[in-house]
Amino acid sequence: MIIKTPNLRTAEKATALNGLKISRYAPPITHLFYADDVFICCKATPSSFETLRDLLRCFELASGQMINLDKSFIKFSPNAPPDFRSHMASILKMRTSDCFGNYLGVPVDIPSKKSLVFQPLVDRLTSRILAWSSLHLSQPCKLLIINTIILGSIRFLMAYIPFPIGICKKIDSLIAPFWWRKDVRHRSIH
């Protein structure tokens, strides 16, 4: 088999692989690399998927590594018909997925109702705070827990994704009683 396009850039220059544009005048994006992960964007055409299949085979032959198809998947736009999706997925021999899920703990594709994405975080914080509330902790110890563990765990997410106001209020309503309450059995002064 002769591969006409040995890498992603030459495939893009030869228009064998058309990247996606985020705006009319932006350059097309075909790939993003992070450590050993690759995110490839292209228009869903049979020729693009065949070129991509050849590129992946070329990579496997050149590197001696195999692509793990169990961890790889294809995400189509919502308006792609199911039979078209299955045909295109059969070219690459990969499964399809409706969402990207989390990457490094951060949700990649966020639905219109953002509070659903952050509800597991609120539930996790609630269970942790309830466990700590049963302990007799001093104010400096509580401050250390709030600043390092509670806020530290969400600071990473907040740097990338704007939190909905409702979620911020829920987190604040969890932290305030933990900070002010001296004993679980008594009401706090806040």
C-alpha atoms as a PDB file:
ATOM      1  CA  MET A   1       0.000   0.000   0.000  1.00  0.00           C
ATOM      2  CA  ILE A   2       1.362   3.427  -0.904  1.00  0.00           C
ATOM      3  CA  ILE A   3       0.479   6.166   1.516  1.00  0.00           C
ATOM      4  CA  LYS A   4       0.411   9.511  -0.236  1.00  0.00           C
ATOM      5  CA  THR A   5       0.230  11.563   2.964  1.00  0.00           C
ATOM      6  CA  PRO A   6       2.685  10.366   5.630  1.00  0.00           C
ATOM      7  CA  ASN A   7       1.635  12.818   8.349  1.00  0.00           C
ATOM      8  CA  LEU A   8      -1.217  15.049   9.443  1.00  0.00           C
ATOM      9  CA  ARG A   9       0.272  18.298   8.153  1.00  0.00           C
ATOM     10  CA  THR A  10       0.917  17.054   4.657  1.00  0.00           C
ATOM     11  CA  ALA A  11      -2.556  15.471   4.601  1.00  0.00           C
ATOM     12  CA  GLU A  12      -4.018  18.831   5.567  1.00  0.00           C
ATOM     13  CA  LYS A  13      -1.947  20.721   2.971  1.00  0.00           C
ATOM     14  CA  ALA A  14      -2.987  18.248   0.286  1.00  0.00           C
ATOM     15  CA  THR A  15      -6.629  18.749   1.411  1.00  0.00           C
ATOM     16  CA  ALA A  16      -6.925  15.003   1.998  1.00  0.00           C
ATOM     17  CA  LEU A  17      -7.878  15.802   5.596  1.00  0.00           C
ATOM     18  CA  ASN A  18      -9.993  18.910   6.154  1.00  0.00           C
ATOM     19  CA  GLY A  19      -9.801  20.359   9.647  1.00  0.00           C
ATOM     20  CA  LEU A  20     -12.533  22.238  11.451  1.00  0.00           C
ATOM     21  CA  LYS A  21     -12.668  26.028  11.713  1.00  0.00           C
ATOM     22  CA  ILE A  22     -13.974  27.732  14.819  1.00  0.00           C
ATOM     23  CA  SER A  23     -14.737  30.860  12.806  1.00  0.00           C
ATOM     24  CA  ARG A  24     -14.789  31.857   9.158  1.00  0.00           C
ATOM     25  CA  TYR A  25     -11.282  33.371   9.087  1.00  0.00           C
ATOM     26  CA  ALA A  26      -9.605  31.070  11.611  1.00  0.00           C
ATOM     27  CA  PRO A  27      -7.090  28.466  10.460  1.00  0.00           C
ATOM     28  CA  PRO A  28      -8.429  24.914  10.370  1.00  0.00           C
ATOM     29  CA  ILE A  29      -7.680  22.665  13.356  1.00  0.00           C
ATOM     30  CA  THR A  30      -6.824  19.081  12.502  1.00  0.00           C
ATOM     31  CA  HIS A  31      -5.159  17.825  15.648  1.00  0.00           C
ATOM     32  CA  LEU A  32      -4.285  18.576  19.254  1.00  0.00           C
ATOM     33  CA  PHE A  33      -1.655  16.638  21.192  1.00  0.00           C
ATOM     34  CA  TYR A  34      -1.278  16.289  24.945  1.00  0.00           C
ATOM     35  CA  ALA A  35       1.226  13.778  26.343  1.00  0.00           C
ATOM     36  CA  ASP A  36       0.134  10.474  24.784  1.00  0.00           C
ATOM     37  CA  ASP A  37      -3.359  11.618  23.822  1.00  0.00           C
ATOM     38  CA  VAL A  38      -4.402  12.838  20.389  1.00  0.00           C
ATOM     39  CA  PHE A  39      -7.553  14.726  19.454  1.00  0.00           C
ATOM     40  CA  ILE A  40      -8.134  14.681  15.684  1.00  0.00           C
ATOM     41  CA  CYS A  41     -10.755  16.924  14.051  1.00  0.00           C
ATOM     42  CA  CYS A  42     -11.914  16.488  10.491  1.00  0.00           C
ATOM     43  CA  LYS A  43     -14.989  16.701   8.347  1.00  0.00           C
ATOM     44  CA  ALA A  44     -16.885  13.417   8.264  1.00  0.00           C
ATOM     45  CA  THR A  45     -16.345  12.331   4.686  1.00  0.00           C
ATOM     46  CA  PRO A  46     -15.341   8.846   3.535  1.00  0.00           C
ATOM     47  CA  SER A  47     -12.156  10.182   1.928  1.00  0.00           C
ATOM     48  CA  SER A  48     -11.132  11.993   5.146  1.00  0.00           C
ATOM     49  CA  PHE A  49     -11.727   8.874   7.226  1.00  0.00           C
ATOM     50  CA  GLU A  50      -9.812   6.696   4.749  1.00  0.00           C
ATOM     51  CA  THR A  51      -6.889   9.145   4.860  1.00  0.00           C
ATOM     52  CA  LEU A  52      -7.039   9.117   8.643  1.00  0.00           C
ATOM     53  CA  ARG A  53      -7.100   5.310   8.665  1.00  0.00           C
ATOM     54  CA  ASP A  54      -3.997   5.251   6.449  1.00  0.00           C
ATOM     55  CA  LEU A  55      -2.251   7.788   8.677  1.00  0.00           C
ATOM     56  CA  LEU A  56      -2.964   5.704  11.766  1.00  0.00           C
ATOM     57  CA  ARG A  57      -1.619   2.574  10.043  1.00  0.00           C
ATOM     58  CA  CYS A  58       1.469   4.507   8.973  1.00  0.00           C
ATOM     59  CA  PHE A  59       2.005   5.615  12.575  1.00  0.00           C
ATOM     60  CA  GLU A  60       1.706   2.035  13.815  1.00  0.00           C
ATOM     61  CA  LEU A  61       4.215   0.769  11.259  1.00  0.00           C
ATOM     62  CA  ALA A  62       6.700   3.585  11.857  1.00  0.00           C
ATOM     63  CA  SER A  63       6.563   3.547  15.662  1.00  0.00           C
ATOM     64  CA  GLY A  64       5.950  -0.127  16.357  1.00  0.00           C
ATOM     65  CA  GLN A  65       3.073   0.881  18.639  1.00  0.00           C
ATOM     66  CA  MET A  66      -0.576  -0.034  18.273  1.00  0.00           C
ATOM     67  CA  ILE A  67      -3.498   2.299  18.750  1.00  0.00           C
ATOM     68  CA  ASN A  68      -5.824   1.063  21.486  1.00  0.00           C
ATOM     69  CA  LEU A  69      -9.195   0.965  19.768  1.00  0.00           C
ATOM     70  CA  ASP A  70     -10.938   0.198  23.086  1.00  0.00           C
ATOM     71  CA  LYS A  71      -9.958   3.663  24.355  1.00  0.00           C
ATOM     72  CA  SER A  72     -10.496   5.424  21.036  1.00  0.00           C
ATOM     73  CA  PHE A  73     -13.843   6.695  19.807  1.00  0.00           C
ATOM     74  CA  ILE A  74     -15.478   8.975  17.256  1.00  0.00           C
ATOM     75  CA  LYS A  75     -17.860  11.793  18.140  1.00  0.00           C
ATOM     76  CA  PHE A  76     -20.096  13.073  15.385  1.00  0.00           C
ATOM     77  CA  SER A  77     -22.142  16.231  15.291  1.00  0.00           C
ATOM     78  CA  PRO A  78     -25.693  15.706  16.616  1.00  0.00           C
ATOM     79  CA  ASN A  79     -27.286  16.035  13.181  1.00  0.00           C
ATOM     80  CA  ALA A  80     -25.363  13.104  11.619  1.00  0.00           C
ATOM     81  CA  PRO A  81     -27.741  10.224  10.775  1.00  0.00           C
ATOM     82  CA  PRO A  82     -27.173   6.923  12.641  1.00  0.00           C
ATOM     83  CA  ASP A  83     -26.530   4.855   9.494  1.00  0.00           C
ATOM     84  CA  PHE A  84     -23.923   7.389   8.328  1.00  0.00           C
ATOM     85  CA  ARG A  85     -22.246   7.231  11.765  1.00  0.00           C
ATOM     86  CA  SER A  86     -22.017   3.448  11.687  1.00  0.00           C
ATOM     87  CA  HIS A  87     -20.632   3.456   8.134  1.00  0.00           C
ATOM     88  CA  MET A  88     -17.967   6.035   9.001  1.00  0.00           C
ATOM     89  CA  ALA A  89     -17.060   4.272  12.257  1.00  0.00           C
ATOM     90  CA  SER A  90     -16.586   1.017  10.347  1.00  0.00           C
ATOM     91  CA  ILE A  91     -13.898   2.683   8.212  1.00  0.00           C
ATOM     92  CA  LEU A  92     -11.771   3.412  11.300  1.00  0.00           C
ATOM     93  CA  LYS A  93     -13.035   0.363  13.236  1.00  0.00           C
ATOM     94  CA  MET A  94     -13.800   2.548  16.258  1.00  0.00           C
ATOM     95  CA  ARG A  95     -16.889   2.928  18.411  1.00  0.00           C
ATOM     96  CA  THR A  96     -18.942   6.103  18.457  1.00  0.00           C
ATOM     97  CA  SER A  97     -19.768   8.212  21.496  1.00  0.00           C
ATOM     98  CA  ASP A  98     -22.230  11.032  22.144  1.00  0.00           C
ATOM     99  CA  CYS A  99     -19.949  12.874  24.557  1.00  0.00           C
ATOM    100  CA  PHE A 100     -16.254  13.240  25.244  1.00  0.00           C
ATOM    101  CA  GLY A 101     -16.589  12.762  28.995  1.00  0.00           C
ATOM    102  CA  ASN A 102     -13.896  14.106  31.327  1.00  0.00           C
ATOM    103  CA  TYR A 103     -10.302  14.814  30.474  1.00  0.00           C
ATOM    104  CA  LEU A 104      -7.911  15.373  33.385  1.00  0.00           C
ATOM    105  CA  GLY A 105     -10.938  15.775  35.630  1.00  0.00           C
ATOM    106  CA  VAL A 106     -12.493  18.524  33.528  1.00  0.00           C
ATOM    107  CA  PRO A 107     -15.666  17.899  31.498  1.00  0.00           C
ATOM    108  CA  VAL A 108     -14.913  18.446  27.818  1.00  0.00           C
ATOM    109  CA  ASP A 109     -18.374  18.968  26.386  1.00  0.00           C
ATOM    110  CA  ILE A 110     -20.777  20.786  28.648  1.00  0.00           C
ATOM    111  CA  PRO A 111     -24.536  20.628  28.005  1.00  0.00           C
ATOM    112  CA  SER A 112     -26.743  23.699  28.039  1.00  0.00           C
ATOM    113  CA  LYS A 113     -27.787  22.937  31.630  1.00  0.00           C
ATOM    114  CA  LYS A 114     -24.382  23.254  33.294  1.00  0.00           C
ATOM    115  CA  SER A 115     -25.629  22.478  36.792  1.00  0.00           C
ATOM    116  CA  LEU A 116     -25.982  18.790  35.832  1.00  0.00           C
ATOM    117  CA  VAL A 117     -22.242  18.605  35.112  1.00  0.00           C
ATOM    118  CA  PHE A 118     -21.295  20.082  38.479  1.00  0.00           C
ATOM    119  CA  GLN A 119     -23.796  18.179  40.640  1.00  0.00           C
ATOM    120  CA  PRO A 120     -21.390  15.227  41.251  1.00  0.00           C
ATOM    121  CA  LEU A 121     -18.821  17.757  42.512  1.00  0.00           C
ATOM    122  CA  VAL A 122     -21.375  19.257  44.928  1.00  0.00           C
ATOM    123  CA  ASP A 123     -22.363  15.761  46.109  1.00  0.00           C
ATOM    124  CA  ARG A 124     -18.710  14.835  46.704  1.00  0.00           C
ATOM    125  CA  LEU A 125     -18.103  18.057  48.648  1.00  0.00           C
ATOM    126  CA  THR A 126     -21.257  17.469  50.696  1.00  0.00           C
ATOM    127  CA  SER A 127     -20.157  14.000  51.776  1.00  0.00           C
ATOM    128  CA  ARG A 128     -16.655  15.223  52.646  1.00  0.00           C
ATOM    129  CA  ILE A 129     -17.927  18.198  54.660  1.00  0.00           C
ATOM    130  CA  LEU A 130     -20.409  15.999  56.530  1.00  0.00           C
ATOM    131  CA  ALA A 131     -17.573  13.650  57.488  1.00  0.00           C
ATOM    132  CA  TRP A 132     -15.396  16.537  58.692  1.00  0.00           C
ATOM    133  CA  SER A 133     -18.279  18.182  60.552  1.00  0.00           C
ATOM    134  CA  SER A 134     -18.518  15.224  62.921  1.00  0.00           C
ATOM    135  CA  LEU A 135     -14.926  15.838  64.053  1.00  0.00           C
ATOM    136  CA  HIS A 136     -14.049  18.408  66.724  1.00  0.00           C
ATOM    137  CA  LEU A 137     -11.826  20.687  64.655  1.00  0.00           C
ATOM    138  CA  SER A 138     -10.364  24.050  65.615  1.00  0.00           C
ATOM    139  CA  GLN A 139     -10.968  27.157  63.485  1.00  0.00           C
ATOM    140  CA  PRO A 140      -7.386  27.109  62.067  1.00  0.00           C
ATOM    141  CA  CYS A 141      -7.830  23.455  61.119  1.00  0.00           C
ATOM    142  CA  LYS A 142     -11.167  24.209  59.430  1.00  0.00           C
ATOM    143  CA  LEU A 143      -9.587  27.123  57.573  1.00  0.00           C
ATOM    144  CA  LEU A 144      -6.805  24.852  56.353  1.00  0.00           C
ATOM    145  CA  ILE A 145      -9.331  22.263  55.145  1.00  0.00           C
ATOM    146  CA  ILE A 146     -11.439  24.908  53.390  1.00  0.00           C
ATOM    147  CA  ASN A 147      -8.492  26.594  51.636  1.00  0.00           C
ATOM    148  CA  THR A 148      -6.465  23.554  50.669  1.00  0.00           C
ATOM    149  CA  ILE A 149      -8.873  20.677  50.192  1.00  0.00           C
ATOM    150  CA  ILE A 150     -12.284  22.135  49.407  1.00  0.00           C
ATOM    151  CA  LEU A 151     -11.331  25.235  47.421  1.00  0.00           C
ATOM    152  CA  GLY A 152      -8.176  23.609  46.056  1.00  0.00           C
ATOM    153  CA  SER A 153     -10.212  20.819  44.492  1.00  0.00           C
ATOM    154  CA  ILE A 154     -12.536  23.211  42.672  1.00  0.00           C
ATOM    155  CA  ARG A 155      -9.997  25.941  41.842  1.00  0.00           C
ATOM    156  CA  PHE A 156      -8.591  23.788  39.028  1.00  0.00           C
ATOM    157  CA  LEU A 157     -12.032  23.422  37.440  1.00  0.00           C
ATOM    158  CA  MET A 158     -12.903  27.090  37.927  1.00  0.00           C
ATOM    159  CA  ALA A 159      -9.799  28.096  35.967  1.00  0.00           C
ATOM    160  CA  TYR A 160     -11.191  26.405  32.850  1.00  0.00           C
ATOM    161  CA  ILE A 161     -14.959  26.426  33.194  1.00  0.00           C
ATOM    162  CA  PRO A 162     -17.135  29.255  34.478  1.00  0.00           C
ATOM    163  CA  PHE A 163     -19.283  27.814  37.264  1.00  0.00           C
ATOM    164  CA  PRO A 164     -23.006  28.593  37.255  1.00  0.00           C
ATOM    165  CA  ILE A 165     -24.048  31.030  39.994  1.00  0.00           C
ATOM    166  CA  GLY A 166     -26.368  28.416  41.512  1.00  0.00           C
ATOM    167  CA  ILE A 167     -23.494  25.951  41.954  1.00  0.00           C
ATOM    168  CA  CYS A 168     -21.321  28.663  43.544  1.00  0.00           C
ATOM    169  CA  LYS A 169     -24.129  29.432  45.997  1.00  0.00           C
ATOM    170  CA  LYS A 170     -24.525  25.727  46.840  1.00  0.00           C
ATOM    171  CA  ILE A 171     -20.796  25.384  47.528  1.00  0.00           C
ATOM    172  CA  ASP A 172     -20.859  28.533  49.637  1.00  0.00           C
ATOM    173  CA  SER A 173     -23.868  27.222  51.578  1.00  0.00           C
ATOM    174  CA  LEU A 174     -21.905  24.042  52.317  1.00  0.00           C
ATOM    175  CA  ILE A 175     -18.744  25.818  53.454  1.00  0.00           C
ATOM    176  CA  ALA A 176     -20.349  28.490  55.688  1.00  0.00           C
ATOM    177  CA  PRO A 177     -21.972  26.135  58.238  1.00  0.00           C
ATOM    178  CA  PHE A 178     -18.829  24.008  58.340  1.00  0.00           C
ATOM    179  CA  TRP A 179     -16.764  27.107  59.153  1.00  0.00           C
ATOM    180  CA  TRP A 180     -19.081  28.626  61.751  1.00  0.00           C
ATOM    181  CA  ARG A 181     -20.578  25.598  63.470  1.00  0.00           C
ATOM    182  CA  LYS A 182     -18.776  24.540  66.641  1.00  0.00           C
ATOM    183  CA  ASP A 183     -20.795  21.350  67.136  1.00  0.00           C
ATOM    184  CA  VAL A 184     -22.951  19.291  64.794  1.00  0.00           C
ATOM    185  CA  ARG A 185     -25.832  19.252  67.298  1.00  0.00           C
ATOM    186  CA  HIS A 186     -26.072  23.054  67.616  1.00  0.00           C
ATOM    187  CA  ARG A 187     -27.017  25.759  65.169  1.00  0.00           C
ATOM    188  CA  SER A 188     -24.221  27.979  63.942  1.00  0.00           C
ATOM    189  CA  ILE A 189     -24.004  31.736  64.446  1.00  0.00           C
ATOM    190  CA  HIS A 190     -23.859  32.617  60.769  1.00  0.00           C
END
